Protein backbone atom coordinates (compact mmCIF):
# COMPACT_ATOMS: atom_id res chain seq x y z
CA UNK A 1 82.18 87.08 72.75
CA UNK A 2 85.69 85.84 73.51
CA UNK A 3 87.03 87.70 76.52
CA UNK A 4 90.02 86.66 78.60
CA UNK A 5 89.69 89.35 81.22
CA UNK A 6 86.46 90.70 82.63
CA UNK A 7 87.24 94.07 84.17
CA UNK A 8 84.89 94.76 87.03
CA UNK A 9 85.59 98.37 87.94
CA UNK A 10 82.81 100.09 89.83
CA UNK A 11 82.31 103.42 91.50
CA UNK A 12 78.53 103.25 91.99
CA UNK A 13 76.36 100.56 93.54
CA UNK A 14 74.30 100.25 90.36
CA UNK A 15 77.30 99.24 88.26
CA UNK A 16 78.47 96.68 90.77
CA UNK A 17 75.12 94.93 91.04
CA UNK A 18 74.18 95.11 87.34
CA UNK A 19 77.42 93.55 86.08
CA UNK A 20 76.98 90.32 88.03
CA UNK A 21 73.27 90.67 88.84
CA UNK A 22 74.01 90.83 92.56
CA UNK A 23 70.81 91.57 94.52
CA UNK A 24 70.64 95.09 95.95
CA UNK A 25 69.54 93.75 99.33
CA UNK A 26 72.32 91.19 99.50
CA UNK A 27 72.36 88.66 102.36
CA UNK A 28 74.33 85.60 103.38
CA UNK A 29 71.94 83.44 101.33
CA UNK A 30 72.13 85.57 98.16
CA UNK A 31 73.43 84.37 94.81
CA UNK A 32 73.85 86.25 91.54
CA UNK A 33 70.77 86.04 89.36
CA UNK A 34 72.56 84.25 86.51
CA UNK A 35 71.10 80.99 85.29
CA UNK A 36 73.37 78.24 83.97
CA UNK A 37 73.32 78.26 80.19
CA UNK A 38 70.39 80.68 79.95
CA UNK A 39 72.15 84.03 79.80
CA UNK A 40 74.93 85.54 77.74
CA UNK A 41 76.68 86.60 80.95
CA UNK A 42 76.98 82.97 82.03
CA UNK A 43 78.68 82.14 78.72
CA UNK A 44 80.94 85.18 79.10
CA UNK A 45 82.01 84.06 82.56
CA UNK A 46 82.87 80.61 81.22
CA UNK A 47 85.34 82.27 78.82
CA UNK A 48 86.79 84.65 81.41
CA UNK A 49 90.17 83.92 82.97
CA UNK A 50 90.49 86.94 85.28
CA UNK A 51 88.14 89.30 87.11
CA UNK A 52 89.52 92.59 88.44
CA UNK A 53 87.38 94.08 91.21
CA UNK A 54 88.46 97.59 92.19
CA UNK A 55 87.55 99.35 95.45
CA UNK A 56 86.83 95.94 96.97
CA UNK A 57 86.87 97.08 100.63
CA UNK A 58 83.80 99.24 99.91
CA UNK A 59 81.68 96.22 98.96
CA UNK A 60 79.69 94.15 101.41
CA UNK A 61 81.23 90.70 101.96
CA UNK A 62 77.95 89.12 100.87
CA UNK A 63 78.53 90.52 97.35
CA UNK A 64 81.71 88.45 97.08
CA UNK A 65 80.05 85.42 98.61
CA UNK A 66 77.11 85.67 96.21
CA UNK A 67 79.52 85.79 93.27
CA UNK A 68 81.54 82.92 94.75
CA UNK A 69 78.51 80.64 94.97
CA UNK A 70 77.39 81.58 91.48
CA UNK A 71 80.80 81.02 89.87
CA UNK A 72 81.18 77.65 91.58
CA UNK A 73 77.94 76.62 89.88
CA UNK A 74 78.54 78.17 86.43
CA UNK A 75 82.16 77.04 86.08
CA UNK A 76 81.54 73.39 86.98
CA UNK A 77 81.50 72.63 83.24
CA UNK A 78 84.91 74.27 82.78
CA UNK A 79 86.99 73.48 85.86
CA UNK A 80 87.29 70.17 87.64
CA UNK A 81 86.01 70.34 91.21
CA UNK A 82 84.96 73.98 90.74
CA UNK A 83 82.37 73.60 93.48
CA UNK A 84 85.21 73.11 95.96
CA UNK A 85 87.27 76.12 94.83
CA UNK A 86 86.90 79.82 95.69
CA UNK A 87 85.12 81.62 92.83
CA UNK A 88 84.86 78.28 91.06
CA UNK A 89 88.60 78.25 90.31
CA UNK A 90 88.55 81.64 88.53
CA UNK A 91 91.24 84.16 89.46
CA UNK A 92 89.81 87.28 91.09
CA UNK A 93 92.06 90.27 91.78
CA UNK A 94 90.68 92.76 94.31
CA UNK A 95 92.14 96.22 94.72
CA UNK A 96 91.52 98.84 97.37
CA UNK A 97 92.62 100.44 100.58
CA UNK A 98 91.11 99.54 103.96
CA UNK A 99 92.09 103.01 105.20
CA UNK A 100 89.38 104.43 102.97
CA UNK A 101 85.61 103.84 102.94
CA UNK A 102 84.36 100.46 104.16
CA UNK A 103 80.86 99.10 103.45
CA UNK A 104 78.16 101.60 104.34
CA UNK A 105 75.81 100.09 106.91
CA UNK A 106 72.89 102.46 107.70
CA UNK A 107 72.97 103.24 111.43
CA UNK A 108 75.55 100.49 111.81
CA UNK A 109 78.14 100.43 114.56
CA UNK A 110 81.86 99.94 114.05
CA UNK A 111 81.35 96.24 114.82
CA UNK A 112 78.59 95.99 112.19
CA UNK A 113 80.79 97.58 109.53
CA UNK A 114 83.79 95.37 110.29
CA UNK A 115 81.57 92.27 110.32
CA UNK A 116 80.32 92.97 106.79
CA UNK A 117 83.74 93.82 105.32
CA UNK A 118 85.48 91.44 102.93
CA UNK A 119 88.13 90.46 105.48
CA UNK A 120 85.35 89.01 107.65
CA UNK A 121 84.22 86.70 104.85
CA UNK A 122 84.89 82.97 104.68
CA UNK A 123 86.72 83.80 101.43
CA UNK A 124 89.37 85.99 103.06
CA UNK A 125 91.81 83.14 103.99
CA UNK A 126 92.04 82.26 100.29
CA UNK A 127 93.36 85.72 99.30
CA UNK A 128 97.05 86.47 98.91
CA UNK A 129 97.80 90.02 100.07
CA UNK A 130 100.14 92.30 98.11
CA UNK A 131 100.91 95.80 99.39
CA UNK A 132 101.74 98.68 97.05
CA UNK A 133 104.27 100.86 98.86
CA UNK A 134 105.93 102.83 96.08
CA UNK A 135 104.49 106.18 95.01
CA UNK A 136 104.55 105.92 91.21
CA UNK A 137 104.06 109.68 90.78
CA UNK A 138 107.50 110.21 92.27
CA UNK A 139 109.05 107.75 89.82
CA UNK A 140 107.56 109.22 86.66
CA UNK A 141 110.42 111.68 86.10
CA UNK A 142 107.88 114.44 85.41
CA UNK A 143 107.92 115.84 88.94
CA UNK A 144 110.47 118.43 90.04
CA UNK A 145 112.71 117.65 93.01
CA UNK A 146 110.96 120.20 95.24
CA UNK A 147 107.52 118.88 94.29
CA UNK A 148 108.71 115.30 94.84
CA UNK A 149 109.79 116.19 98.39
CA UNK A 150 106.40 117.80 99.11
CA UNK A 151 104.51 114.82 97.68
CA UNK A 152 106.64 112.37 99.68
CA UNK A 153 106.02 114.31 102.92
CA UNK A 154 102.27 114.50 102.26
CA UNK A 155 102.20 110.80 101.34
CA UNK A 156 103.94 109.91 104.61
CA UNK A 157 101.53 112.06 106.65
CA UNK A 158 98.50 110.58 104.88
CA UNK A 159 99.63 107.03 105.67
CA UNK A 160 100.18 108.01 109.31
CA UNK A 161 96.62 109.35 109.45
CA UNK A 162 95.33 106.12 107.93
CA UNK A 163 97.33 104.02 110.39
CA UNK A 164 96.13 106.11 113.35
CA UNK A 165 99.67 107.01 114.37
CA UNK A 166 99.57 110.82 114.17
CA UNK A 167 97.57 112.78 116.73
CA UNK A 168 97.82 116.26 118.20
CA UNK A 169 96.41 115.45 121.64
CA UNK A 170 96.80 112.84 124.37
CA UNK A 171 93.23 111.55 123.92
CA UNK A 172 93.96 110.73 120.28
CA UNK A 173 90.98 112.68 119.00
CA UNK A 174 92.64 115.52 117.08
CA UNK A 175 94.85 115.42 114.00
CA UNK A 176 97.16 118.30 113.18
CA UNK A 177 96.77 119.39 109.56
CA UNK A 178 100.04 120.54 107.92
CA UNK A 179 100.12 124.26 107.18
CA UNK A 180 100.68 123.80 103.44
CA UNK A 181 97.41 121.85 103.01
CA UNK A 182 95.34 123.87 105.43
CA UNK A 183 93.00 126.73 104.55
CA UNK A 184 93.22 129.52 107.09
CA UNK A 185 90.03 130.70 108.77
CA UNK A 186 88.27 133.74 107.35
CA UNK A 187 84.99 135.65 107.56
CA UNK A 188 83.73 133.84 104.47
CA UNK A 189 84.89 130.19 104.69
CA UNK A 190 82.95 129.09 101.58
CA UNK A 191 84.72 131.63 99.38
CA UNK A 192 88.06 130.65 100.92
CA UNK A 193 87.46 126.99 100.01
CA UNK A 194 86.35 127.87 96.47
CA UNK A 195 89.37 130.10 95.97
CA UNK A 196 91.74 127.42 97.26
CA UNK A 197 90.25 124.61 95.15
CA UNK A 198 89.44 126.68 92.03
CA UNK A 199 91.77 129.69 92.18
CA UNK A 200 90.85 131.00 88.72
CA UNK A 201 87.09 130.40 88.92
CA UNK A 202 86.14 133.77 90.35
């Protein structure tokens, strides 16, 4: 199979680990279970020029490090000095938002979670960071002016929540939800939520 780009897009743990044979109980010593020259996946990786890894902040840093060690070994027949290069010299593009879900560490503290995030990996200094700041929905031309204003205001508020810069109390524990995205209290909150999310269902 001749493939220039290997798209690694995962939403579930099973997909992430099966694509590169990353152990489920990944540790600092883990490598991907891909043998040099003995599996089709190894040959596929030798022909790959780009790996796109979406939702990267959700993955444990040891997943990246396992893939790094494996690619350095597999690609030594393709790239000169691959053992000295991150991911064996292969370009890896990671997408994601650190404001969203980080690695899930059962009963882990904040320190535990941060320690196992990708930006705590030895690989992090090799990444070049690009920030996406333009809301493409507002540039599509398919949104009315009034809707564009509402989307822009919500987008701004959402970023403030993610940055921790919008609170409704001095202790910084409460966030004020805008009225237009808030469901008012009622005697039957479940029905209120269903009606708001699926207005035509009932």
